[in-house]
Amino acid sequence: MRTVRAPATSANLGSGFDVFGLALETPADVIRVERASETSITVTGVGSTYIPEDPAKNTVGAVADALDAPARIHIDKGVRPASGLGSSAASAAGAAVALNALYDLGRSREELVGAAAEGEALVSGDAHADNVAPSLLGGFTIVTDDGVTQVDTDLSLVACLPEIVVSTRDARGVIPDSASLTDVASTVGNAATLSVGMTRSDPKLVGQGMDDPVVTPARAALIDGYDAVRTSALEAGATGVTVSGAGPALLAVCREGRQGAVAGAMIDAFDDAGVESRAYQTSVGDGAVLYD
């Protein structure tokens, strides 16, 4: 048996649509695998009743196929499905690491990104790696057609998850088909600022760089209370707030020592909008950890 803890992630980070990703220290999924002649899956934990156990319909089944590594797989969900915190990616990344170890495949973490992304294709329709890359590698990741660049960074974060469901497919459906040259230039500048901030573990630069005039406003419209929650978080000490992945979770970058105030402000603002929520006071996390 092999056991892996795979962290939640936040993709896009505002200005880095389909490119940037960040591993979170919490929450996380735990995946256990045992050799078998064919793949079977059981799921427990948060939101498990909504996750198919048919290997043909589960992200982890796709990973097992991609690696040609059949197994009995148990997923203990700590990352809620349809949260915007990389729930399916955490399971896929964890399974990739566990199966690689179980069958002694000898693949590097970078080589496992493609296999884990095959699982993501079942959820979003495309094999995006912006969530699986940070869940595998940890830290801040930049995914392009040429590969993955990873940077270790240290930031205080709050991930606030409202009791709202926004599907990845719906969130992609509201994205504008085009953008003005002004908005494109603004996004490029912000993405560059964010990247430099990550290399310096600078919450001010990262927060500034999260602004995005194209994708985030469209997705924010799907989240009740977004504007008020963002304003409240900034007033409480966040340097930047944006939609995490496809939503509905919001990610806030915080100045040191302000996590508690930011988390409370976000929960209160959602409550004022009639939406229940919970907040994870977390930080940038490591990649998937193999326990045995």
Protein backbone atom coordinates (compact mmCIF):
# COMPACT_ATOMS: atom_id res chain seq x y z
CA MET A 1 0.00 0.00 0.00
CA ARG A 2 1.10 3.58 -0.70
CA THR A 3 -0.39 6.67 0.93
CA VAL A 4 -0.08 10.25 -0.32
CA ARG A 5 -1.30 13.59 1.02
CA ALA A 6 -1.98 15.98 -1.87
CA PRO A 7 -2.70 19.66 -1.19
CA ALA A 8 -5.45 21.96 -2.40
CA THR A 9 -4.39 24.57 -4.91
CA SER A 10 -5.43 27.93 -6.27
CA ALA A 11 -5.16 28.47 -10.03
CA ASN A 12 -5.10 31.63 -12.16
CA LEU A 13 -4.36 33.99 -9.24
CA GLY A 14 -6.21 36.66 -11.19
CA SER A 15 -3.77 37.74 -13.88
CA GLY A 16 -2.38 34.28 -14.67
CA PHE A 17 -5.40 32.62 -16.27
CA ASP A 18 -4.70 28.95 -17.13
CA VAL A 19 -1.00 29.55 -16.39
CA PHE A 20 -0.38 30.33 -12.70
CA GLY A 21 -0.97 27.97 -9.79
CA LEU A 22 -0.22 27.92 -6.06
CA ALA A 23 -0.14 25.03 -3.59
CA LEU A 24 -1.94 25.58 -0.27
CA GLU A 25 -0.84 24.07 3.03
CA THR A 26 -4.47 23.17 3.82
CA PRO A 27 -6.87 21.57 3.03
CA ALA A 28 -5.71 18.34 1.37
CA ASP A 29 -6.80 14.93 0.07
CA VAL A 30 -5.34 11.62 1.21
CA ILE A 31 -5.06 8.85 -1.40
CA ARG A 32 -4.22 5.20 -0.68
CA VAL A 33 -3.45 2.67 -3.40
CA GLU A 34 -2.89 -1.10 -3.55
CA ARG A 35 -1.95 -3.23 -6.54
CA ALA A 36 -4.84 -4.89 -8.37
CA SER A 37 -5.59 -6.44 -11.74
CA GLU A 38 -8.09 -3.70 -12.50
CA THR A 39 -8.82 -0.29 -11.04
CA SER A 40 -11.54 0.24 -8.44
CA ILE A 41 -12.23 3.42 -6.48
CA THR A 42 -13.87 4.26 -3.16
CA VAL A 43 -14.37 7.80 -1.92
CA THR A 44 -15.01 9.18 1.57
CA GLY A 45 -14.79 12.61 3.13
CA VAL A 46 -16.22 16.01 2.29
CA GLY A 47 -18.53 15.97 -0.72
CA SER A 48 -17.84 12.29 -1.38
CA THR A 49 -21.48 11.54 -2.21
CA TYR A 50 -21.13 13.71 -5.31
CA ILE A 51 -17.99 12.02 -6.64
CA PRO A 52 -18.41 9.05 -9.01
CA GLU A 53 -16.59 5.86 -8.04
CA ASP A 54 -16.70 4.50 -11.60
CA PRO A 55 -13.05 4.65 -12.77
CA ALA A 56 -14.22 5.82 -16.19
CA LYS A 57 -15.81 8.89 -14.61
CA ASN A 58 -13.30 9.68 -11.86
CA THR A 59 -10.14 11.75 -12.34
CA VAL A 60 -8.10 9.13 -10.52
CA GLY A 61 -9.25 6.42 -12.90
CA ALA A 62 -7.93 8.47 -15.81
CA VAL A 63 -4.57 8.81 -14.03
CA ALA A 64 -4.35 5.05 -13.47
CA ASP A 65 -5.03 4.50 -17.17
CA ALA A 66 -2.46 7.08 -18.22
CA LEU A 67 0.20 5.38 -16.08
CA ASP A 68 -0.97 1.85 -16.95
CA ALA A 69 -1.10 1.20 -13.21
CA PRO A 70 -4.34 -0.51 -12.12
CA ALA A 71 -5.03 -0.39 -8.39
CA ARG A 72 -7.55 -0.42 -5.60
CA ILE A 73 -7.73 3.29 -4.80
CA HIS A 74 -9.26 5.00 -1.78
CA ILE A 75 -9.71 8.77 -1.78
CA ASP A 76 -10.35 10.57 1.51
CA LYS A 77 -11.52 14.01 0.43
CA GLY A 78 -10.41 17.02 2.39
CA VAL A 79 -10.90 19.41 -0.54
CA ARG A 80 -14.56 20.02 -1.36
CA PRO A 81 -15.56 19.31 -4.96
CA ALA A 82 -16.59 22.35 -7.04
CA SER A 83 -14.79 24.65 -4.63
CA GLY A 84 -12.24 26.38 -6.84
CA LEU A 85 -9.49 24.87 -4.68
CA GLY A 86 -8.34 22.17 -7.07
CA SER A 87 -10.34 19.30 -5.61
CA SER A 88 -10.06 17.00 -8.61
CA ALA A 89 -6.44 18.03 -9.14
CA ALA A 90 -5.49 17.08 -5.58
CA SER A 91 -6.91 13.59 -6.08
CA ALA A 92 -5.25 13.26 -9.49
CA ALA A 93 -1.86 14.49 -8.26
CA GLY A 94 -1.97 12.28 -5.19
CA ALA A 95 -2.88 9.24 -7.24
CA ALA A 96 -0.08 9.93 -9.72
CA VAL A 97 2.52 10.07 -6.95
CA ALA A 98 1.11 7.02 -5.17
CA LEU A 99 0.87 4.86 -8.30
CA ASN A 100 4.33 5.93 -9.44
CA ALA A 101 5.70 4.66 -6.13
CA LEU A 102 3.50 1.55 -5.99
CA TYR A 103 4.70 0.30 -9.37
CA ASP A 104 8.20 1.80 -9.10
CA LEU A 105 7.71 3.63 -12.40
CA GLY A 106 10.58 6.00 -11.73
CA ARG A 107 8.90 9.09 -13.14
CA SER A 108 9.86 12.53 -11.86
CA ARG A 109 7.24 14.88 -10.45
CA GLU A 110 7.49 16.97 -13.63
CA GLU A 111 6.85 13.87 -15.73
CA LEU A 112 3.76 13.06 -13.65
CA VAL A 113 2.14 16.42 -14.44
CA GLY A 114 0.88 15.18 -17.82
CA ALA A 115 -0.65 12.02 -16.37
CA ALA A 116 -2.38 13.97 -13.60
CA ALA A 117 -3.68 16.49 -16.12
CA GLU A 118 -5.43 13.67 -17.98
CA GLY A 119 -7.62 13.31 -14.91
CA GLU A 120 -8.46 17.02 -15.04
CA ALA A 121 -9.76 16.57 -18.58
CA LEU A 122 -12.71 14.60 -17.17
CA VAL A 123 -13.76 17.67 -15.16
CA SER A 124 -13.05 20.64 -17.41
CA GLY A 125 -12.97 19.00 -20.83
CA ASP A 126 -9.29 19.88 -21.34
CA ALA A 127 -6.09 18.57 -19.79
CA HIS A 128 -5.19 21.74 -17.89
CA ALA A 129 -2.19 21.49 -15.57
CA ASP A 130 -2.52 24.78 -13.67
CA ASN A 131 -3.87 22.95 -10.60
CA VAL A 132 -2.11 19.59 -10.80
CA ALA A 133 1.33 21.19 -11.24
CA PRO A 134 1.38 22.98 -7.86
CA SER A 135 -0.25 20.02 -6.13
CA LEU A 136 2.61 17.84 -7.40
CA LEU A 137 5.49 20.31 -7.12
CA GLY A 138 4.44 22.71 -4.37
CA GLY A 139 4.99 26.46 -4.27
CA PHE A 140 4.15 28.73 -7.21
CA THR A 141 4.01 27.23 -10.70
CA ILE A 142 3.87 28.62 -14.22
CA VAL A 143 2.50 26.19 -16.81
CA THR A 144 3.15 26.77 -20.53
CA ASP A 145 3.35 24.58 -23.62
CA ASP A 146 7.09 24.35 -22.98
CA GLY A 147 6.69 22.86 -19.51
CA VAL A 148 6.38 23.89 -15.87
CA THR A 149 8.44 26.44 -13.94
CA GLN A 150 8.30 26.13 -10.15
CA VAL A 151 9.28 28.70 -7.53
CA ASP A 152 9.37 28.18 -3.77
CA THR A 153 7.72 31.10 -1.98
CA ASP A 154 6.43 31.99 1.46
CA LEU A 155 3.12 33.84 1.82
CA SER A 156 0.28 34.03 4.33
CA LEU A 157 -3.05 33.22 2.70
CA VAL A 158 -6.74 32.95 3.41
CA ALA A 159 -8.97 30.78 1.23
CA CYS A 160 -12.62 31.59 1.91
CA LEU A 161 -15.13 29.06 0.60
CA PRO A 162 -18.80 30.09 0.39
CA GLU A 163 -21.63 27.58 0.29
CA ILE A 164 -22.19 28.26 -3.39
CA VAL A 165 -21.63 25.85 -6.27
CA VAL A 166 -19.95 27.12 -9.44
CA SER A 167 -19.05 24.40 -11.93
CA THR A 168 -15.80 24.65 -13.87
CA ARG A 169 -17.68 24.39 -17.14
CA ASP A 170 -20.04 27.25 -16.20
CA ALA A 171 -17.12 29.39 -15.04
CA ARG A 172 -15.33 28.88 -18.35
CA GLY A 173 -18.51 29.67 -20.23
CA VAL A 174 -18.68 33.27 -18.98
CA ILE A 175 -15.14 34.18 -20.04
CA PRO A 176 -15.11 36.90 -22.74
CA ASP A 177 -14.05 35.81 -26.22
CA SER A 178 -11.85 38.89 -26.67
CA ALA A 179 -10.19 41.67 -24.72
CA SER A 180 -9.05 45.20 -25.50
CA LEU A 181 -5.38 45.95 -26.02
CA THR A 182 -5.48 48.09 -22.88
CA ASP A 183 -6.80 45.19 -20.79
CA VAL A 184 -4.25 42.79 -22.29
CA ALA A 185 -1.39 45.16 -21.47
CA SER A 186 -2.71 45.60 -17.93
CA THR A 187 -2.96 41.85 -17.42
CA VAL A 188 0.57 41.23 -18.70
CA GLY A 189 1.96 43.91 -16.39
CA ASN A 190 0.10 42.50 -13.41
CA ALA A 191 1.21 38.95 -14.16
CA ALA A 192 4.83 40.10 -14.33
CA THR A 193 4.46 41.96 -11.03
CA LEU A 194 2.94 38.89 -9.37
CA SER A 195 5.74 36.65 -10.64
CA VAL A 196 8.42 38.94 -9.25
CA GLY A 197 6.51 39.10 -5.97
CA MET A 198 6.52 35.32 -5.75
CA THR A 199 10.28 35.14 -6.19
CA ARG A 200 10.66 37.65 -3.33
CA SER A 201 7.86 36.27 -1.11
CA ASP A 202 6.51 39.83 -1.21
CA PRO A 203 2.79 39.98 -0.33
CA LYS A 204 2.46 43.57 -1.56
CA LEU A 205 3.72 42.81 -5.07
CA VAL A 206 1.77 39.56 -5.28
CA GLY A 207 -1.41 41.32 -4.17
CA GLN A 208 -0.95 44.10 -6.71
CA GLY A 209 -0.30 41.58 -9.44
CA MET A 210 -3.52 39.65 -8.80
CA ASP A 211 -5.68 42.34 -10.42
CA ASP A 212 -7.26 41.15 -13.66
CA PRO A 213 -9.68 43.20 -15.80
CA VAL A 214 -10.80 40.36 -18.09
CA VAL A 215 -11.53 36.95 -16.53
CA THR A 216 -12.06 37.72 -12.85
CA PRO A 217 -14.91 40.26 -13.27
CA ALA A 218 -16.87 37.76 -15.36
CA ARG A 219 -16.44 34.97 -12.84
CA ALA A 220 -17.00 37.24 -9.83
CA ALA A 221 -20.53 37.89 -11.12
CA LEU A 222 -21.33 34.22 -10.34
CA ILE A 223 -20.41 34.65 -6.66
CA ASP A 224 -22.95 36.40 -4.42
CA GLY A 225 -21.29 39.04 -2.27
CA TYR A 226 -17.95 39.01 -4.09
CA ASP A 227 -17.38 42.78 -4.19
CA ALA A 228 -18.24 43.28 -0.52
CA VAL A 229 -16.10 40.33 0.57
CA ARG A 230 -13.13 41.56 -1.45
CA THR A 231 -13.44 45.08 -0.04
CA SER A 232 -13.74 43.79 3.52
CA ALA A 233 -10.66 41.60 3.12
CA LEU A 234 -8.57 44.47 1.76
CA GLU A 235 -9.68 46.72 4.61
CA ALA A 236 -8.71 44.00 7.11
CA GLY A 237 -5.16 43.69 5.80
CA ALA A 238 -5.20 41.65 2.60
CA THR A 239 -2.91 42.92 -0.15
CA GLY A 240 -4.91 41.24 -2.90
CA VAL A 241 -8.08 39.18 -3.37
CA THR A 242 -9.29 37.23 -6.36
CA VAL A 243 -11.43 34.28 -7.41
CA SER A 244 -9.62 31.02 -6.74
CA GLY A 245 -9.64 28.91 -9.88
CA ALA A 246 -13.14 28.69 -11.29
CA GLY A 247 -14.61 29.72 -7.92
CA PRO A 248 -16.55 30.05 -5.75
CA ALA A 249 -13.64 30.17 -3.27
CA LEU A 250 -11.80 33.47 -2.92
CA LEU A 251 -8.07 33.67 -2.27
CA ALA A 252 -6.59 36.52 -0.23
CA VAL A 253 -2.88 37.25 0.16
CA CYS A 254 -2.24 38.72 3.61
CA ARG A 255 0.32 40.80 5.40
CA GLU A 256 2.01 38.88 8.20
CA GLY A 257 -0.19 38.61 11.27
CA ARG A 258 -3.39 39.64 9.48
CA GLN A 259 -4.79 36.22 8.55
CA GLY A 260 -7.27 36.05 11.42
CA ALA A 261 -8.65 39.52 10.75
CA VAL A 262 -8.92 38.87 7.02
CA ALA A 263 -10.62 35.50 7.50
CA GLY A 264 -13.15 37.01 9.93
CA ALA A 265 -13.87 39.94 7.64
CA MET A 266 -14.52 37.67 4.66
CA ILE A 267 -16.85 35.38 6.60
CA ASP A 268 -18.77 38.36 8.01
CA ALA A 269 -19.15 39.93 4.56
CA PHE A 270 -20.45 36.70 3.07
CA ASP A 271 -22.83 36.41 6.03
CA ASP A 272 -24.13 39.92 5.31
CA ALA A 273 -24.84 38.75 1.77
CA GLY A 274 -26.83 35.79 3.12
CA VAL A 275 -24.14 33.24 2.25
CA GLU A 276 -22.57 30.80 4.70
CA SER A 277 -18.83 30.29 4.32
CA ARG A 278 -15.72 28.93 5.95
CA ALA A 279 -12.18 30.25 5.81
CA TYR A 280 -8.87 28.38 5.77
CA GLN A 281 -6.02 30.36 7.32
CA THR A 282 -3.20 28.80 5.39
CA SER A 283 0.06 29.44 3.56
CA VAL A 284 1.92 28.32 0.46
CA GLY A 285 2.32 24.57 0.74
CA ASP A 286 4.62 21.81 -0.44
CA GLY A 287 3.68 19.34 -3.13
CA ALA A 288 2.15 15.91 -2.60
CA VAL A 289 3.83 13.96 0.20
CA LEU A 290 4.41 10.19 0.01
CA TYR A 291 4.07 8.66 3.48
CA ASP A 292 4.97 5.04 2.85
